[in-house]
C-alpha atoms as a PDB file:
ATOM      1  CA  MET A   1      -1.336 -10.686  20.504  1.00  0.00           C
ATOM      2  CA  ARG A   2      -2.695 -13.903  19.135  1.00  0.00           C
ATOM      3  CA  LEU A   3      -3.271 -17.439  20.209  1.00  0.00           C
ATOM      4  CA  GLN A   4      -3.290 -20.124  17.596  1.00  0.00           C
ATOM      5  CA  ILE A   5      -4.836 -23.407  18.743  1.00  0.00           C
ATOM      6  CA  LYS A   6      -4.724 -26.759  17.034  1.00  0.00           C
ATOM      7  CA  PHE A   7      -7.035 -29.387  18.338  1.00  0.00           C
ATOM      8  CA  THR A   8      -8.861 -32.670  17.480  1.00  0.00           C
ATOM      9  CA  PRO A   9     -12.363 -33.847  18.365  1.00  0.00           C
ATOM     10  CA  LEU A  10     -12.236 -36.594  20.975  1.00  0.00           C
ATOM     11  CA  GLU A  11     -15.047 -38.719  19.590  1.00  0.00           C
ATOM     12  CA  ASN A  12     -14.773 -40.150  16.001  1.00  0.00           C
ATOM     13  CA  ASN A  13     -12.476 -37.256  15.043  1.00  0.00           C
ATOM     14  CA  MET A  14     -15.561 -35.247  14.074  1.00  0.00           C
ATOM     15  CA  LEU A  15     -17.004 -31.907  15.187  1.00  0.00           C
ATOM     16  CA  THR A  16     -20.458 -30.904  13.923  1.00  0.00           C
ATOM     17  CA  LEU A  17     -21.815 -27.371  14.562  1.00  0.00           C
ATOM     18  CA  PRO A  18     -25.154 -25.790  13.467  1.00  0.00           C
ATOM     19  CA  LEU A  19     -24.509 -23.164  10.913  1.00  0.00           C
ATOM     20  CA  GLU A  20     -26.907 -20.733  12.643  1.00  0.00           C
ATOM     21  CA  LYS A  21     -24.963 -20.962  15.898  1.00  0.00           C
ATOM     22  CA  TYR A  22     -21.517 -21.477  14.469  1.00  0.00           C
ATOM     23  CA  GLN A  23     -19.866 -18.162  15.546  1.00  0.00           C
ATOM     24  CA  GLN A  24     -22.015 -17.942  18.765  1.00  0.00           C
ATOM     25  CA  VAL A  25     -20.645 -21.353  19.872  1.00  0.00           C
ATOM     26  CA  LEU A  26     -16.999 -20.087  19.279  1.00  0.00           C
ATOM     27  CA  GLN A  27     -17.615 -16.881  21.133  1.00  0.00           C
ATOM     28  CA  GLY A  28     -19.119 -18.816  24.061  1.00  0.00           C
ATOM     29  CA  ALA A  29     -16.086 -21.059  24.260  1.00  0.00           C
ATOM     30  CA  ILE A  30     -13.888 -18.037  24.510  1.00  0.00           C
ATOM     31  CA  TYR A  31     -15.698 -16.533  27.467  1.00  0.00           C
ATOM     32  CA  LYS A  32     -16.046 -19.934  29.175  1.00  0.00           C
ATOM     33  CA  ASN A  33     -12.343 -20.660  28.880  1.00  0.00           C
ATOM     34  CA  ILE A  34     -10.822 -17.407  30.137  1.00  0.00           C
ATOM     35  CA  ALA A  35      -8.964 -18.743  33.287  1.00  0.00           C
ATOM     36  CA  ASP A  36      -9.772 -15.676  35.453  1.00  0.00           C
ATOM     37  CA  GLN A  37     -13.501 -15.330  36.002  1.00  0.00           C
ATOM     38  CA  ASP A  38     -13.335 -11.730  37.093  1.00  0.00           C
ATOM     39  CA  PHE A  39     -11.509 -10.781  33.858  1.00  0.00           C
ATOM     40  CA  SER A  40     -14.015 -12.749  31.748  1.00  0.00           C
ATOM     41  CA  THR A  41     -16.910 -10.902  33.433  1.00  0.00           C
ATOM     42  CA  PHE A  42     -15.246  -7.588  32.703  1.00  0.00           C
ATOM     43  CA  ILE A  43     -14.736  -8.360  29.080  1.00  0.00           C
ATOM     44  CA  HIS A  44     -18.215  -9.716  28.601  1.00  0.00           C
ATOM     45  CA  ASP A  45     -20.224  -7.157  30.686  1.00  0.00           C
ATOM     46  CA  VAL A  46     -18.067  -4.029  30.695  1.00  0.00           C
ATOM     47  CA  GLY A  47     -15.386  -3.807  28.072  1.00  0.00           C
ATOM     48  CA  PHE A  48     -13.841  -0.445  27.005  1.00  0.00           C
ATOM     49  CA  GLN A  49     -16.072   2.470  26.554  1.00  0.00           C
ATOM     50  CA  TYR A  50     -16.223   5.104  23.781  1.00  0.00           C
ATOM     51  CA  GLU A  51     -19.189   7.478  24.293  1.00  0.00           C
ATOM     52  CA  LYS A  52     -22.196   5.017  24.355  1.00  0.00           C
ATOM     53  CA  ARG A  53     -20.387   2.164  22.708  1.00  0.00           C
ATOM     54  CA  ARG A  54     -18.431  -0.657  24.513  1.00  0.00           C
ATOM     55  CA  PHE A  55     -15.721  -2.576  22.794  1.00  0.00           C
ATOM     56  CA  LYS A  56     -14.455  -6.003  23.830  1.00  0.00           C
ATOM     57  CA  LEU A  57     -11.252  -5.621  21.840  1.00  0.00           C
ATOM     58  CA  PHE A  58     -10.946  -9.245  20.758  1.00  0.00           C
ATOM     59  CA  THR A  59     -11.769 -11.206  17.704  1.00  0.00           C
ATOM     60  CA  PHE A  60     -11.366 -14.635  16.261  1.00  0.00           C
ATOM     61  CA  SER A  61     -11.088 -16.568  13.029  1.00  0.00           C
ATOM     62  CA  GLN A  62     -13.330 -19.212  11.542  1.00  0.00           C
ATOM     63  CA  LEU A  63     -12.317 -22.752  12.161  1.00  0.00           C
ATOM     64  CA  LYS A  64      -9.933 -24.092   9.553  1.00  0.00           C
ATOM     65  CA  GLY A  65      -9.646 -27.728   8.621  1.00  0.00           C
ATOM     66  CA  LEU A  66     -11.220 -30.344   6.433  1.00  0.00           C
ATOM     67  CA  ASN A  67     -14.951 -29.881   6.563  1.00  0.00           C
ATOM     68  CA  LYS A  68     -18.179 -30.601   4.825  1.00  0.00           C
ATOM     69  CA  VAL A  69     -21.397 -28.421   4.858  1.00  0.00           C
ATOM     70  CA  ASN A  70     -24.784 -30.196   4.999  1.00  0.00           C
ATOM     71  CA  LEU A  71     -27.287 -27.676   3.703  1.00  0.00           C
ATOM     72  CA  LYS A  72     -30.229 -29.881   4.452  1.00  0.00           C
ATOM     73  CA  ASP A  73     -29.441 -30.159   8.057  1.00  0.00           C
ATOM     74  CA  LYS A  74     -27.781 -26.720   8.183  1.00  0.00           C
ATOM     75  CA  THR A  75     -24.636 -28.070   9.799  1.00  0.00           C
ATOM     76  CA  ILE A  76     -20.903 -27.986   9.201  1.00  0.00           C
ATOM     77  CA  THR A  77     -18.759 -30.948  10.157  1.00  0.00           C
ATOM     78  CA  PHE A  78     -14.992 -30.736  10.672  1.00  0.00           C
ATOM     79  CA  TYR A  79     -12.772 -33.770  10.459  1.00  0.00           C
ATOM     80  CA  ASN A  80      -9.454 -34.581  12.187  1.00  0.00           C
ATOM     81  CA  GLN A  81      -7.173 -31.685  13.133  1.00  0.00           C
ATOM     82  CA  ILE A  82      -8.719 -28.159  13.401  1.00  0.00           C
ATOM     83  CA  SER A  83      -6.959 -24.855  13.812  1.00  0.00           C
ATOM     84  CA  TRP A  84      -8.427 -21.697  15.433  1.00  0.00           C
ATOM     85  CA  THR A  85      -6.915 -18.217  15.905  1.00  0.00           C
ATOM     86  CA  ILE A  86      -7.958 -15.843  18.682  1.00  0.00           C
ATOM     87  CA  SER A  87      -6.624 -12.243  18.915  1.00  0.00           C
ATOM     88  CA  SER A  88      -6.729  -9.380  21.346  1.00  0.00           C
ATOM     89  CA  VAL A  89      -4.832  -6.144  22.188  1.00  0.00           C
ATOM     90  CA  LEU A  90      -4.970  -7.409  25.817  1.00  0.00           C
ATOM     91  CA  PRO A  91      -2.012  -9.696  26.496  1.00  0.00           C
ATOM     92  CA  GLN A  92      -3.672 -11.015  29.744  1.00  0.00           C
ATOM     93  CA  PHE A  93      -6.748 -12.032  27.656  1.00  0.00           C
ATOM     94  CA  ILE A  94      -4.549 -14.223  25.425  1.00  0.00           C
ATOM     95  CA  ARG A  95      -2.584 -15.523  28.421  1.00  0.00           C
ATOM     96  CA  PHE A  96      -5.637 -16.476  30.458  1.00  0.00           C
ATOM     97  CA  LEU A  97      -7.006 -18.340  27.439  1.00  0.00           C
ATOM     98  CA  GLY A  98      -3.683 -20.153  26.767  1.00  0.00           C
ATOM     99  CA  GLN A  99      -3.432 -21.107  30.407  1.00  0.00           C
ATOM    100  CA  SER A 100      -6.912 -22.601  30.370  1.00  0.00           C
ATOM    101  CA  PHE A 101      -6.457 -24.576  27.172  1.00  0.00           C
ATOM    102  CA  LEU A 102      -3.083 -25.909  28.471  1.00  0.00           C
ATOM    103  CA  GLN A 103      -4.249 -26.933  31.791  1.00  0.00           C
ATOM    104  CA  THR A 104      -7.580 -28.639  30.983  1.00  0.00           C
ATOM    105  CA  GLU A 105      -7.815 -32.209  29.697  1.00  0.00           C
ATOM    106  CA  PHE A 106     -10.249 -31.056  27.018  1.00  0.00           C
ATOM    107  CA  PHE A 107     -12.598 -28.142  26.139  1.00  0.00           C
ATOM    108  CA  GLU A 108     -16.062 -28.284  24.614  1.00  0.00           C
ATOM    109  CA  LEU A 109     -17.621 -26.917  21.505  1.00  0.00           C
ATOM    110  CA  PHE A 110     -21.445 -27.488  21.348  1.00  0.00           C
ATOM    111  CA  GLY A 111     -21.215 -30.278  23.934  1.00  0.00           C
ATOM    112  CA  GLN A 112     -18.410 -32.097  22.032  1.00  0.00           C
ATOM    113  CA  LYS A 113     -14.977 -32.652  23.634  1.00  0.00           C
ATOM    114  CA  MET A 114     -11.900 -31.225  21.900  1.00  0.00           C
ATOM    115  CA  VAL A 115      -8.306 -32.184  22.815  1.00  0.00           C
ATOM    116  CA  VAL A 116      -5.621 -29.507  22.385  1.00  0.00           C
ATOM    117  CA  VAL A 117      -2.648 -30.608  20.239  1.00  0.00           C
ATOM    118  CA  GLU A 118      -0.668 -27.413  19.923  1.00  0.00           C
ATOM    119  CA  ILE A 119      -0.751 -23.778  21.144  1.00  0.00           C
ATOM    120  CA  ARG A 120       1.264 -20.919  19.694  1.00  0.00           C
ATOM    121  CA  TYR A 121       1.445 -17.246  20.617  1.00  0.00           C
ATOM    122  CA  ILE A 122       2.101 -14.442  18.040  1.00  0.00           C
ATOM    123  CA  ASP A 123       3.142 -10.933  19.175  1.00  0.00           C
ATOM    124  CA  SER A 124       1.990  -8.130  16.920  1.00  0.00           C
ATOM    125  CA  ALA A 125       4.847  -5.893  18.155  1.00  0.00           C
ATOM    126  CA  SER A 126       7.057  -7.319  15.369  1.00  0.00           C
ATOM    127  CA  ILE A 127       4.895  -5.483  12.730  1.00  0.00           C
ATOM    128  CA  GLU A 128       7.008  -2.640  11.295  1.00  0.00           C
ATOM    129  CA  ALA A 129       5.589  -2.323   7.853  1.00  0.00           C
ATOM    130  CA  SER A 130       3.594   0.727   6.846  1.00  0.00           C
ATOM    131  CA  LYS A 131       1.918  -1.013   3.801  1.00  0.00           C
ATOM    132  CA  CYS A 132       0.445  -4.441   4.060  1.00  0.00           C
ATOM    133  CA  LYS A 133      -1.549  -6.674   1.817  1.00  0.00           C
ATOM    134  CA  ILE A 134      -3.976  -8.576   4.019  1.00  0.00           C
ATOM    135  CA  LYS A 135      -6.363 -11.495   3.662  1.00  0.00           C
ATOM    136  CA  MET A 136      -9.359 -11.887   5.876  1.00  0.00           C
ATOM    137  CA  LEU A 137      -9.476 -14.878   8.235  1.00  0.00           C
ATOM    138  CA  SER A 138     -12.987 -13.972   9.219  1.00  0.00           C
ATOM    139  CA  PRO A 139     -15.023 -11.545   7.019  1.00  0.00           C
ATOM    140  CA  ILE A 140     -15.392  -7.784   7.547  1.00  0.00           C
ATOM    141  CA  THR A 141     -18.786  -6.344   8.323  1.00  0.00           C
ATOM    142  CA  VAL A 142     -19.516  -2.646   8.468  1.00  0.00           C
ATOM    143  CA  TYR A 143     -22.874  -0.884   8.771  1.00  0.00           C
ATOM    144  CA  SER A 144     -24.854   2.109   9.940  1.00  0.00           C
ATOM    145  CA  THR A 145     -28.291   2.335  11.528  1.00  0.00           C
ATOM    146  CA  TYR A 146     -31.012   4.834  11.263  1.00  0.00           C
ATOM    147  CA  VAL A 147     -34.826   5.170  11.860  1.00  0.00           C
ATOM    148  CA  ASP A 148     -37.178   5.371   8.956  1.00  0.00           C
ATOM    149  CA  ARG A 149     -40.253   7.566   8.631  1.00  0.00           C
ATOM    150  CA  ILE A 150     -42.456   5.131  10.532  1.00  0.00           C
ATOM    151  CA  GLY A 151     -40.041   4.833  13.473  1.00  0.00           C
ATOM    152  CA  LYS A 152     -38.529   1.415  12.358  1.00  0.00           C
ATOM    153  CA  LYS A 153     -34.793   0.872  12.969  1.00  0.00           C
ATOM    154  CA  ILE A 154     -32.936  -0.016   9.785  1.00  0.00           C
ATOM    155  CA  THR A 155     -29.526  -1.503   9.514  1.00  0.00           C
ATOM    156  CA  GLN A 156     -27.588  -0.857   6.234  1.00  0.00           C
ATOM    157  CA  TYR A 157     -24.571  -2.950   5.445  1.00  0.00           C
ATOM    158  CA  TYR A 158     -21.917  -1.673   3.133  1.00  0.00           C
ATOM    159  CA  SER A 159     -19.967  -3.608   0.478  1.00  0.00           C
ATOM    160  CA  PRO A 160     -16.231  -3.042  -0.451  1.00  0.00           C
ATOM    161  CA  SER A 161     -17.406  -1.150  -3.496  1.00  0.00           C
ATOM    162  CA  ASP A 162     -19.105   1.483  -1.551  1.00  0.00           C
ATOM    163  CA  PRO A 163     -16.938   4.485  -0.248  1.00  0.00           C
ATOM    164  CA  ALA A 164     -18.556   4.257   3.006  1.00  0.00           C
ATOM    165  CA  PHE A 165     -17.059   0.834   3.587  1.00  0.00           C
ATOM    166  CA  SER A 166     -13.444   1.935   3.963  1.00  0.00           C
ATOM    167  CA  TYR A 167     -14.444   5.143   5.764  1.00  0.00           C
ATOM    168  CA  LEU A 168     -16.513   3.500   8.475  1.00  0.00           C
ATOM    169  CA  ILE A 169     -13.879   0.787   9.045  1.00  0.00           C
ATOM    170  CA  ILE A 170     -11.179   3.418   9.809  1.00  0.00           C
ATOM    171  CA  GLU A 171     -13.532   5.522  11.948  1.00  0.00           C
ATOM    172  CA  ASN A 172     -14.434   2.383  13.982  1.00  0.00           C
ATOM    173  CA  LEU A 173     -10.678   1.557  14.421  1.00  0.00           C
ATOM    174  CA  TYR A 174      -9.969   5.156  15.732  1.00  0.00           C
ATOM    175  CA  LYS A 175     -12.917   4.654  18.245  1.00  0.00           C
ATOM    176  CA  LYS A 176     -11.389   1.424  19.458  1.00  0.00           C
ATOM    177  CA  TYR A 177      -8.005   3.029  19.842  1.00  0.00           C
ATOM    178  CA  GLU A 178      -9.390   5.952  21.908  1.00  0.00           C
ATOM    179  CA  ALA A 179     -11.499   3.523  24.042  1.00  0.00           C
ATOM    180  CA  PHE A 180      -8.400   1.451  24.812  1.00  0.00           C
ATOM    181  CA  TYR A 181      -5.766   4.154  25.164  1.00  0.00           C
ATOM    182  CA  GLY A 182      -7.941   6.902  26.587  1.00  0.00           C
ATOM    183  CA  GLN A 183      -6.763   9.384  23.999  1.00  0.00           C
ATOM    184  CA  LYS A 184      -7.127  10.194  20.267  1.00  0.00           C
ATOM    185  CA  THR A 185      -4.300   9.360  17.842  1.00  0.00           C
ATOM    186  CA  ASN A 186      -2.903  11.663  15.106  1.00  0.00           C
ATOM    187  CA  ASP A 187      -1.571   8.656  13.198  1.00  0.00           C
ATOM    188  CA  GLN A 188      -3.304   7.881   9.894  1.00  0.00           C
ATOM    189  CA  ILE A 189      -4.314   4.560   8.306  1.00  0.00           C
ATOM    190  CA  SER A 190      -6.387   3.649   5.285  1.00  0.00           C
ATOM    191  CA  ILE A 191      -7.855   0.448   3.857  1.00  0.00           C
ATOM    192  CA  CYS A 192      -8.624  -0.292   0.259  1.00  0.00           C
ATOM    193  CA  PRO A 193     -10.097  -3.381  -1.481  1.00  0.00           C
ATOM    194  CA  ILE A 194      -7.728  -5.276  -3.721  1.00  0.00           C
ATOM    195  CA  GLY A 195      -9.383  -6.786  -6.845  1.00  0.00           C
ATOM    196  CA  ASN A 196     -12.951  -7.779  -7.129  1.00  0.00           C
ATOM    197  CA  LYS A 197     -12.988 -11.150  -5.499  1.00  0.00           C
ATOM    198  CA  HIS A 198     -14.705 -10.206  -2.365  1.00  0.00           C
ATOM    199  CA  LYS A 199     -17.286 -12.846  -1.477  1.00  0.00           C
ATOM    200  CA  LYS A 200     -20.307 -11.883   0.471  1.00  0.00           C
ATOM    201  CA  ILE A 201     -20.763 -14.002   3.599  1.00  0.00           C
ATOM    202  CA  VAL A 202     -24.283 -14.029   5.210  1.00  0.00           C
ATOM    203  CA  THR A 203     -24.170 -15.082   8.920  1.00  0.00           C
ATOM    204  CA  ARG A 204     -26.984 -15.450  11.523  1.00  0.00           C
ATOM    205  CA  PHE A 205     -26.052 -14.542  14.995  1.00  0.00           C
ATOM    206  CA  LYS A 206     -28.557 -14.849  17.741  1.00  0.00           C
ATOM    207  CA  GLY A 207     -31.339 -14.392  15.195  1.00  0.00           C
ATOM    208  CA  PHE A 208     -29.798 -11.436  13.432  1.00  0.00           C
ATOM    209  CA  ILE A 209     -28.688 -11.483   9.869  1.00  0.00           C
ATOM    210  CA  ILE A 210     -25.116 -10.076   9.344  1.00  0.00           C
ATOM    211  CA  ASN A 211     -23.626  -9.347   5.962  1.00  0.00           C
ATOM    212  CA  ALA A 212     -19.825  -9.542   5.709  1.00  0.00           C
ATOM    213  CA  TRP A 213     -17.102  -9.701   3.115  1.00  0.00           C
ATOM    214  CA  SER A 214     -14.018 -11.866   2.579  1.00  0.00           C
ATOM    215  CA  GLY A 215     -11.143 -11.101   0.260  1.00  0.00           C
ATOM    216  CA  GLU A 216      -7.851  -9.172   0.192  1.00  0.00           C
ATOM    217  CA  TYR A 217      -7.260  -5.495   1.091  1.00  0.00           C
ATOM    218  CA  LEU A 218      -4.504  -2.969   1.276  1.00  0.00           C
ATOM    219  CA  LEU A 219      -3.817  -1.552   4.679  1.00  0.00           C
ATOM    220  CA  GLU A 220      -1.513   1.531   4.702  1.00  0.00           C
ATOM    221  CA  GLY A 221      -0.415   3.776   7.546  1.00  0.00           C
ATOM    222  CA  ASP A 222       1.456   4.017  10.797  1.00  0.00           C
ATOM    223  CA  PRO A 223       2.776   0.515  11.903  1.00  0.00           C
ATOM    224  CA  LYS A 224       1.455   1.175  15.468  1.00  0.00           C
ATOM    225  CA  LEU A 225      -2.150   1.463  14.084  1.00  0.00           C
ATOM    226  CA  ILE A 226      -1.621  -1.526  11.787  1.00  0.00           C
ATOM    227  CA  SER A 227      -0.505  -3.568  14.832  1.00  0.00           C
ATOM    228  CA  PHE A 228      -3.580  -2.394  16.726  1.00  0.00           C
ATOM    229  CA  ALA A 229      -5.770  -3.377  13.864  1.00  0.00           C
ATOM    230  CA  TYR A 230      -4.009  -6.768  13.658  1.00  0.00           C
ATOM    231  CA  ASP A 231      -4.857  -7.375  17.339  1.00  0.00           C
ATOM    232  CA  VAL A 232      -8.470  -6.071  17.669  1.00  0.00           C
ATOM    233  CA  GLY A 233      -9.779  -6.702  14.034  1.00  0.00           C
ATOM    234  CA  LEU A 234     -11.269  -4.452  11.449  1.00  0.00           C
ATOM    235  CA  GLY A 235     -14.816  -3.320  11.170  1.00  0.00           C
ATOM    236  CA  HIS A 236     -17.884  -3.903  13.385  1.00  0.00           C
ATOM    237  CA  LYS A 237     -18.872  -6.953  15.515  1.00  0.00           C
ATOM    238  CA  CYS A 238     -15.283  -8.202  15.944  1.00  0.00           C
ATOM    239  CA  SER A 239     -16.004 -10.010  19.156  1.00  0.00           C
ATOM    240  CA  MET A 240     -18.630 -11.998  17.301  1.00  0.00           C
ATOM    241  CA  GLY A 241     -15.895 -13.360  15.013  1.00  0.00           C
ATOM    242  CA  PHE A 242     -15.540 -10.756  12.280  1.00  0.00           C
ATOM    243  CA  GLY A 243     -12.622  -8.661  10.996  1.00  0.00           C
ATOM    244  CA  LEU A 244      -9.589 -10.858  11.775  1.00  0.00           C
ATOM    245  CA  PHE A 245      -6.892 -10.811   9.027  1.00  0.00           C
ATOM    246  CA  GLU A 246      -3.521 -12.156   8.222  1.00  0.00           C
ATOM    247  CA  ILE A 247      -0.634 -10.220   6.567  1.00  0.00           C
ATOM    248  CA  ILE A 248       0.411 -11.907   3.397  1.00  0.00           C
ATOM    249  CA  LYS A 249       2.743  -9.248   1.975  1.00  0.00           C
ATOM    250  CA  THR A 250       4.307  -6.052   3.236  1.00  0.00           C
ATOM    251  CA  ASN A 251       5.830  -2.772   1.925  1.00  0.00           C
ATOM    252  CA  ASP A 252       7.072  -3.830  -1.617  1.00  0.00           C
ATOM    253  CA  LEU A 253       3.572  -4.365  -3.120  1.00  0.00           C
ATOM    254  CA  THR A 254       4.390  -3.395  -6.837  1.00  0.00           C
END
């Protein structure tokens, strides 16, 4: 289920965010605006467990709207109306957020007041296609970690051209599914990059450098798994604002 929010900055129709804290600010606003505090604490501190991993099972898009990046100051400024999409497999997560945004006079992003103009709910249950062309609303990141010979922990990120990219995305999705439903699935799904226009996006989150990729992909498999991926996002670090996609074409992709 998704929540699409349209809002405007209260002062001077401008919102300025530091590039190095951009997604951290958005994630913080989500936790702060979940109407039920106990539920917010559960998502933030507990989540859904698969072996030693815990999944939050939500993701969000980058902000969309007229903007300008100032490389000197390392900021991005948005003007006038801004749109934002938040997605989760948990309907109550989306309802609590929608309730909060509707009932408050304004919400804050990096200390700046935003006024909600419009809220829209989208139900993923309407997805019936087994083959979808998708476009990333926030880039996909996928990686593995290992310890080198001197004991240093290394993180290796994979690009869409690497076979490990698609494999690890699907393995991650199966783990999320099992964490949420409490059982494995026999349904199959695959992801394949389309074309070669996959831009590398380098992001800093709480001091860590994250490599991610935009672009278009072919998602093929059981509609139930496609719907699940639509809700929870693809790849790693989804709750930090990675892996959200939109479906731009279904089934007849010839």
